[in-house]
Amino acid sequence: MRNRPLARWTTRRVRAAGDLAVHPVVRGGRGGAVPHGVRHAAVATALAAVLAVTGCAREPVAEPPPPSTGTSPPDTLARVEVGAALTVTAAVDRIIDERAIVVRDIDLTEGTLLVLTRQAVEAAPPQLLSVEGTVVRFSYRSLAARHDLTDPAAYRPFEGQKALVASQVTVWR
């Protein structure tokens, strides 16, 4: 059991020294007791500090990827330099002549690509082709004789665009 006179004596000495933690109004309790208002404030501050450090939110949820703008599809052909090798698998869009085919795929510039071959390819829309070749800048004047191109008007939409000179064509049946 505690010695009450010693506790009172200690409390008086601490009060006389000017310790603000000991409230002079506390009666009937232990000497040197901290008032309830101060105790509650200290506990609330401690809890707030613990919550701030450890966090009170749920586990973070991964954000969904941003929606695609839909303004233009991924463009494989735009990233390939003229003179580079390229392999494309795409559907036949139309046949210009037996050595010139237009293929369509979402990864291609404006969706289509002119493919020039050295030999006739037996394919019809919408058959699937795999073409390996070299990317060139299409010019009817420079490529017409080498690839036996016919009607210049049929090739006008491709003038100045990238085209693919095929070294190998596989028709998927």
C-alpha atoms as a PDB file:
ATOM      1  CA  MET A   1       0.000   0.000   0.000  1.00  0.00           C
ATOM      2  CA  ARG A   2       1.207   3.458  -0.743  1.00  0.00           C
ATOM      3  CA  ASN A   3       2.143   5.909   1.849  1.00  0.00           C
ATOM      4  CA  ARG A   4      -0.379   8.771   1.510  1.00  0.00           C
ATOM      5  CA  PRO A   5       1.508  11.427   3.371  1.00  0.00           C
ATOM      6  CA  LEU A   6       4.549  10.864   1.135  1.00  0.00           C
ATOM      7  CA  ALA A   7       2.408  11.157  -1.985  1.00  0.00           C
ATOM      8  CA  ARG A   8       0.868  14.423  -0.792  1.00  0.00           C
ATOM      9  CA  TRP A   9       4.256  15.768   0.137  1.00  0.00           C
ATOM     10  CA  THR A  10       5.639  14.861  -3.343  1.00  0.00           C
ATOM     11  CA  THR A  11       2.680  16.476  -5.051  1.00  0.00           C
ATOM     12  CA  ARG A  12       3.124  19.693  -3.116  1.00  0.00           C
ATOM     13  CA  ARG A  13       6.851  19.776  -3.943  1.00  0.00           C
ATOM     14  CA  VAL A  14       6.190  19.229  -7.641  1.00  0.00           C
ATOM     15  CA  ARG A  15       3.505  21.932  -7.657  1.00  0.00           C
ATOM     16  CA  ALA A  16       5.812  24.299  -5.937  1.00  0.00           C
ATOM     17  CA  ALA A  17       8.436  23.612  -8.619  1.00  0.00           C
ATOM     18  CA  GLY A  18       5.972  24.725 -11.280  1.00  0.00           C
ATOM     19  CA  ASP A  19       5.262  21.406 -13.075  1.00  0.00           C
ATOM     20  CA  LEU A  20       2.188  22.031 -15.237  1.00  0.00           C
ATOM     21  CA  ALA A  21       1.431  18.318 -15.673  1.00  0.00           C
ATOM     22  CA  VAL A  22       0.204  18.147 -12.065  1.00  0.00           C
ATOM     23  CA  HIS A  23      -3.193  19.763 -11.765  1.00  0.00           C
ATOM     24  CA  PRO A  24      -3.973  21.374  -8.431  1.00  0.00           C
ATOM     25  CA  VAL A  25      -7.727  20.595  -8.585  1.00  0.00           C
ATOM     26  CA  VAL A  26      -7.374  16.799  -8.572  1.00  0.00           C
ATOM     27  CA  ARG A  27      -8.656  15.627  -5.183  1.00  0.00           C
ATOM     28  CA  GLY A  28      -9.187  12.215  -3.782  1.00  0.00           C
ATOM     29  CA  GLY A  29      -6.931  10.526  -6.354  1.00  0.00           C
ATOM     30  CA  ARG A  30      -3.282   9.824  -6.341  1.00  0.00           C
ATOM     31  CA  GLY A  31      -1.048  12.774  -5.966  1.00  0.00           C
ATOM     32  CA  GLY A  32       0.395  14.105  -9.209  1.00  0.00           C
ATOM     33  CA  ALA A  33      -2.420  12.720 -11.362  1.00  0.00           C
ATOM     34  CA  VAL A  34      -2.889  14.058 -14.890  1.00  0.00           C
ATOM     35  CA  PRO A  35      -6.338  15.601 -15.424  1.00  0.00           C
ATOM     36  CA  HIS A  36      -8.780  13.701 -17.639  1.00  0.00           C
ATOM     37  CA  GLY A  37      -8.945  16.421 -20.310  1.00  0.00           C
ATOM     38  CA  VAL A  38      -5.178  16.363 -20.802  1.00  0.00           C
ATOM     39  CA  ARG A  39      -5.113  12.557 -20.754  1.00  0.00           C
ATOM     40  CA  HIS A  40      -7.830  12.352 -23.423  1.00  0.00           C
ATOM     41  CA  ALA A  41      -6.050  14.873 -25.611  1.00  0.00           C
ATOM     42  CA  ALA A  42      -2.794  12.907 -25.309  1.00  0.00           C
ATOM     43  CA  VAL A  43      -4.515   9.609 -26.189  1.00  0.00           C
ATOM     44  CA  ALA A  44      -6.304  11.200 -29.163  1.00  0.00           C
ATOM     45  CA  THR A  45      -3.043  12.681 -30.442  1.00  0.00           C
ATOM     46  CA  ALA A  46      -1.273   9.323 -30.085  1.00  0.00           C
ATOM     47  CA  LEU A  47      -4.054   7.524 -31.984  1.00  0.00           C
ATOM     48  CA  ALA A  48      -3.983  10.131 -34.750  1.00  0.00           C
ATOM     49  CA  ALA A  49      -0.209   9.694 -35.052  1.00  0.00           C
ATOM     50  CA  VAL A  50      -0.542   5.897 -35.266  1.00  0.00           C
ATOM     51  CA  LEU A  51      -3.226   6.156 -37.956  1.00  0.00           C
ATOM     52  CA  ALA A  52      -1.182   8.679 -39.916  1.00  0.00           C
ATOM     53  CA  VAL A  53       1.879   6.441 -39.857  1.00  0.00           C
ATOM     54  CA  THR A  54       0.165   3.117 -40.562  1.00  0.00           C
ATOM     55  CA  GLY A  55      -2.664   4.429 -42.696  1.00  0.00           C
ATOM     56  CA  CYS A  56      -6.331   3.749 -42.318  1.00  0.00           C
ATOM     57  CA  ALA A  57      -7.222   3.242 -45.968  1.00  0.00           C
ATOM     58  CA  ARG A  58      -7.811  -0.036 -47.718  1.00  0.00           C
ATOM     59  CA  GLU A  59      -5.188  -1.586 -49.944  1.00  0.00           C
ATOM     60  CA  PRO A  60      -4.728   0.560 -53.052  1.00  0.00           C
ATOM     61  CA  VAL A  61      -6.534  -0.750 -56.106  1.00  0.00           C
ATOM     62  CA  ALA A  62      -4.616  -0.818 -59.376  1.00  0.00           C
ATOM     63  CA  GLU A  63      -5.854   1.855 -61.747  1.00  0.00           C
ATOM     64  CA  PRO A  64      -7.286   0.613 -65.031  1.00  0.00           C
ATOM     65  CA  PRO A  65      -5.292   1.601 -68.109  1.00  0.00           C
ATOM     66  CA  PRO A  66      -6.414   4.839 -69.705  1.00  0.00           C
ATOM     67  CA  PRO A  67      -8.980   4.302 -72.444  1.00  0.00           C
ATOM     68  CA  SER A  68      -7.678   4.419 -75.971  1.00  0.00           C
ATOM     69  CA  THR A  69      -8.508   7.594 -77.796  1.00  0.00           C
ATOM     70  CA  GLY A  70      -9.434   5.725 -80.940  1.00  0.00           C
ATOM     71  CA  THR A  71      -8.053   8.522 -83.113  1.00  0.00           C
ATOM     72  CA  SER A  72      -5.547   6.262 -84.826  1.00  0.00           C
ATOM     73  CA  PRO A  73      -4.577   2.605 -84.564  1.00  0.00           C
ATOM     74  CA  PRO A  74      -1.084   1.481 -83.630  1.00  0.00           C
ATOM     75  CA  ASP A  75       1.056   2.111 -86.696  1.00  0.00           C
ATOM     76  CA  THR A  76       3.735  -0.516 -87.319  1.00  0.00           C
ATOM     77  CA  LEU A  77       4.616   0.852 -90.737  1.00  0.00           C
ATOM     78  CA  ALA A  78       5.221   4.400 -89.445  1.00  0.00           C
ATOM     79  CA  ARG A  79       7.921   3.093 -87.086  1.00  0.00           C
ATOM     80  CA  VAL A  80       9.787   1.192 -89.809  1.00  0.00           C
ATOM     81  CA  GLU A  81      12.413   3.054 -91.817  1.00  0.00           C
ATOM     82  CA  VAL A  82      12.667   2.847 -95.598  1.00  0.00           C
ATOM     83  CA  GLY A  83      15.102   0.038 -96.461  1.00  0.00           C
ATOM     84  CA  ALA A  84      14.271  -2.019 -93.355  1.00  0.00           C
ATOM     85  CA  ALA A  85      13.039  -5.599 -93.471  1.00  0.00           C
ATOM     86  CA  LEU A  86       9.410  -6.117 -92.485  1.00  0.00           C
ATOM     87  CA  THR A  87       7.121  -9.109 -92.088  1.00  0.00           C
ATOM     88  CA  VAL A  88       3.387  -8.453 -92.257  1.00  0.00           C
ATOM     89  CA  THR A  89       0.412 -10.763 -91.904  1.00  0.00           C
ATOM     90  CA  ALA A  90      -2.707  -9.094 -93.278  1.00  0.00           C
ATOM     91  CA  ALA A  91      -5.850  -9.717 -95.299  1.00  0.00           C
ATOM     92  CA  VAL A  92      -5.988  -9.071 -99.044  1.00  0.00           C
ATOM     93  CA  ASP A  93      -7.991  -5.874 -99.619  1.00  0.00           C
ATOM     94  CA  ARG A  94      -7.819  -5.773-103.418  1.00  0.00           C
ATOM     95  CA  ILE A  95      -5.701  -6.949-106.324  1.00  0.00           C
ATOM     96  CA  ILE A  96      -4.334  -4.187-108.580  1.00  0.00           C
ATOM     97  CA  ASP A  97      -2.635  -6.618-110.965  1.00  0.00           C
ATOM     98  CA  GLU A  98      -0.972 -10.025-110.687  1.00  0.00           C
ATOM     99  CA  ARG A  99       2.181  -8.581-109.039  1.00  0.00           C
ATOM    100  CA  ALA A 100       0.622  -5.801-106.984  1.00  0.00           C
ATOM    101  CA  ILE A 101      -1.685  -6.479-104.034  1.00  0.00           C
ATOM    102  CA  VAL A 102      -3.171  -4.146-101.455  1.00  0.00           C
ATOM    103  CA  VAL A 103      -3.397  -5.677 -97.974  1.00  0.00           C
ATOM    104  CA  ARG A 104      -5.398  -4.375 -95.007  1.00  0.00           C
ATOM    105  CA  ASP A 105      -4.584  -4.533 -91.292  1.00  0.00           C
ATOM    106  CA  ILE A 106      -5.136  -2.274 -88.280  1.00  0.00           C
ATOM    107  CA  ASP A 107      -1.379  -1.908 -87.685  1.00  0.00           C
ATOM    108  CA  LEU A 108      -0.752  -0.407 -91.117  1.00  0.00           C
ATOM    109  CA  THR A 109      -0.771   3.218 -92.208  1.00  0.00           C
ATOM    110  CA  GLU A 110      -4.362   4.161 -92.995  1.00  0.00           C
ATOM    111  CA  GLY A 111      -5.102   0.448 -92.694  1.00  0.00           C
ATOM    112  CA  THR A 112      -3.663  -0.550 -96.110  1.00  0.00           C
ATOM    113  CA  LEU A 113      -0.271  -1.319 -97.643  1.00  0.00           C
ATOM    114  CA  LEU A 114       0.797  -1.843-101.253  1.00  0.00           C
ATOM    115  CA  VAL A 115       2.751  -5.082-101.708  1.00  0.00           C
ATOM    116  CA  LEU A 116       4.838  -5.540-104.856  1.00  0.00           C
ATOM    117  CA  THR A 117       5.874  -9.088-105.728  1.00  0.00           C
ATOM    118  CA  ARG A 118       8.339 -10.548-108.239  1.00  0.00           C
ATOM    119  CA  GLN A 119       5.945 -13.286-109.273  1.00  0.00           C
ATOM    120  CA  ALA A 120       2.205 -13.622-109.548  1.00  0.00           C
ATOM    121  CA  VAL A 121       0.384 -14.427-106.306  1.00  0.00           C
ATOM    122  CA  GLU A 122      -2.865 -16.359-106.398  1.00  0.00           C
ATOM    123  CA  ALA A 123      -4.920 -14.699-103.688  1.00  0.00           C
ATOM    124  CA  ALA A 124      -8.298 -13.040-103.461  1.00  0.00           C
ATOM    125  CA  PRO A 125      -9.990 -10.851-100.871  1.00  0.00           C
ATOM    126  CA  PRO A 126     -10.260 -11.540 -97.910  1.00  0.00           C
ATOM    127  CA  GLN A 127      -7.540 -14.222 -97.847  1.00  0.00           C
ATOM    128  CA  LEU A 128      -4.770 -13.888 -95.307  1.00  0.00           C
ATOM    129  CA  LEU A 129      -1.174 -13.334 -96.484  1.00  0.00           C
ATOM    130  CA  SER A 130       2.159 -13.319 -94.715  1.00  0.00           C
ATOM    131  CA  VAL A 131       4.646 -11.154 -96.583  1.00  0.00           C
ATOM    132  CA  GLU A 132       8.358 -10.757 -95.906  1.00  0.00           C
ATOM    133  CA  GLY A 133      10.163  -7.995 -97.704  1.00  0.00           C
ATOM    134  CA  THR A 134      11.811  -4.590 -97.740  1.00  0.00           C
ATOM    135  CA  VAL A 135      10.085  -1.274 -97.113  1.00  0.00           C
ATOM    136  CA  VAL A 136      10.439   1.234 -99.982  1.00  0.00           C
ATOM    137  CA  ARG A 137       9.057   4.692-100.729  1.00  0.00           C
ATOM    138  CA  PHE A 138       6.675   4.081-103.644  1.00  0.00           C
ATOM    139  CA  SER A 139       7.358   5.935-106.879  1.00  0.00           C
ATOM    140  CA  TYR A 140       5.634   4.710-110.007  1.00  0.00           C
ATOM    141  CA  ARG A 141       8.437   6.022-112.237  1.00  0.00           C
ATOM    142  CA  SER A 142      11.207   4.198-110.408  1.00  0.00           C
ATOM    143  CA  LEU A 143       9.342   0.927-109.746  1.00  0.00           C
ATOM    144  CA  ALA A 144       7.122   0.462-112.840  1.00  0.00           C
ATOM    145  CA  ALA A 145       9.691  -1.227-115.084  1.00  0.00           C
ATOM    146  CA  ARG A 146      11.200  -3.432-112.364  1.00  0.00           C
ATOM    147  CA  HIS A 147       7.813  -4.773-111.175  1.00  0.00           C
ATOM    148  CA  ASP A 148       5.881  -4.634-114.484  1.00  0.00           C
ATOM    149  CA  LEU A 149       3.305  -2.204-113.107  1.00  0.00           C
ATOM    150  CA  THR A 150       0.400  -1.417-115.425  1.00  0.00           C
ATOM    151  CA  ASP A 151      -2.112   1.460-115.155  1.00  0.00           C
ATOM    152  CA  PRO A 152      -0.472   4.483-113.440  1.00  0.00           C
ATOM    153  CA  ALA A 153      -3.863   5.744-112.203  1.00  0.00           C
ATOM    154  CA  ALA A 154      -4.328   2.622-110.079  1.00  0.00           C
ATOM    155  CA  TYR A 155      -1.091   3.413-108.207  1.00  0.00           C
ATOM    156  CA  ARG A 156      -1.680   7.161-107.703  1.00  0.00           C
ATOM    157  CA  PRO A 157      -3.038   6.773-104.108  1.00  0.00           C
ATOM    158  CA  PHE A 158       0.243   5.085-103.104  1.00  0.00           C
ATOM    159  CA  GLU A 159       2.620   7.659-104.620  1.00  0.00           C
ATOM    160  CA  GLY A 160       5.120   8.807-101.977  1.00  0.00           C
ATOM    161  CA  GLN A 161       3.792   6.297 -99.424  1.00  0.00           C
ATOM    162  CA  LYS A 162       5.679   3.352 -97.974  1.00  0.00           C
ATOM    163  CA  ALA A 163       5.224   0.067 -99.821  1.00  0.00           C
ATOM    164  CA  LEU A 164       6.604  -3.425 -99.320  1.00  0.00           C
ATOM    165  CA  VAL A 165       8.695  -5.183-101.975  1.00  0.00           C
ATOM    166  CA  ALA A 166       8.114  -8.846-101.168  1.00  0.00           C
ATOM    167  CA  SER A 167      10.840 -11.435-101.087  1.00  0.00           C
ATOM    168  CA  GLN A 168       8.464 -14.157 -99.882  1.00  0.00           C
ATOM    169  CA  VAL A 169       4.653 -14.397 -99.854  1.00  0.00           C
ATOM    170  CA  THR A 170       2.665 -17.085 -98.065  1.00  0.00           C
ATOM    171  CA  VAL A 171      -1.049 -17.397 -98.844  1.00  0.00           C
ATOM    172  CA  TRP A 172      -3.028 -18.915 -95.973  1.00  0.00           C
ATOM    173  CA  ARG A 173      -5.874 -21.030 -97.326  1.00  0.00           C
END
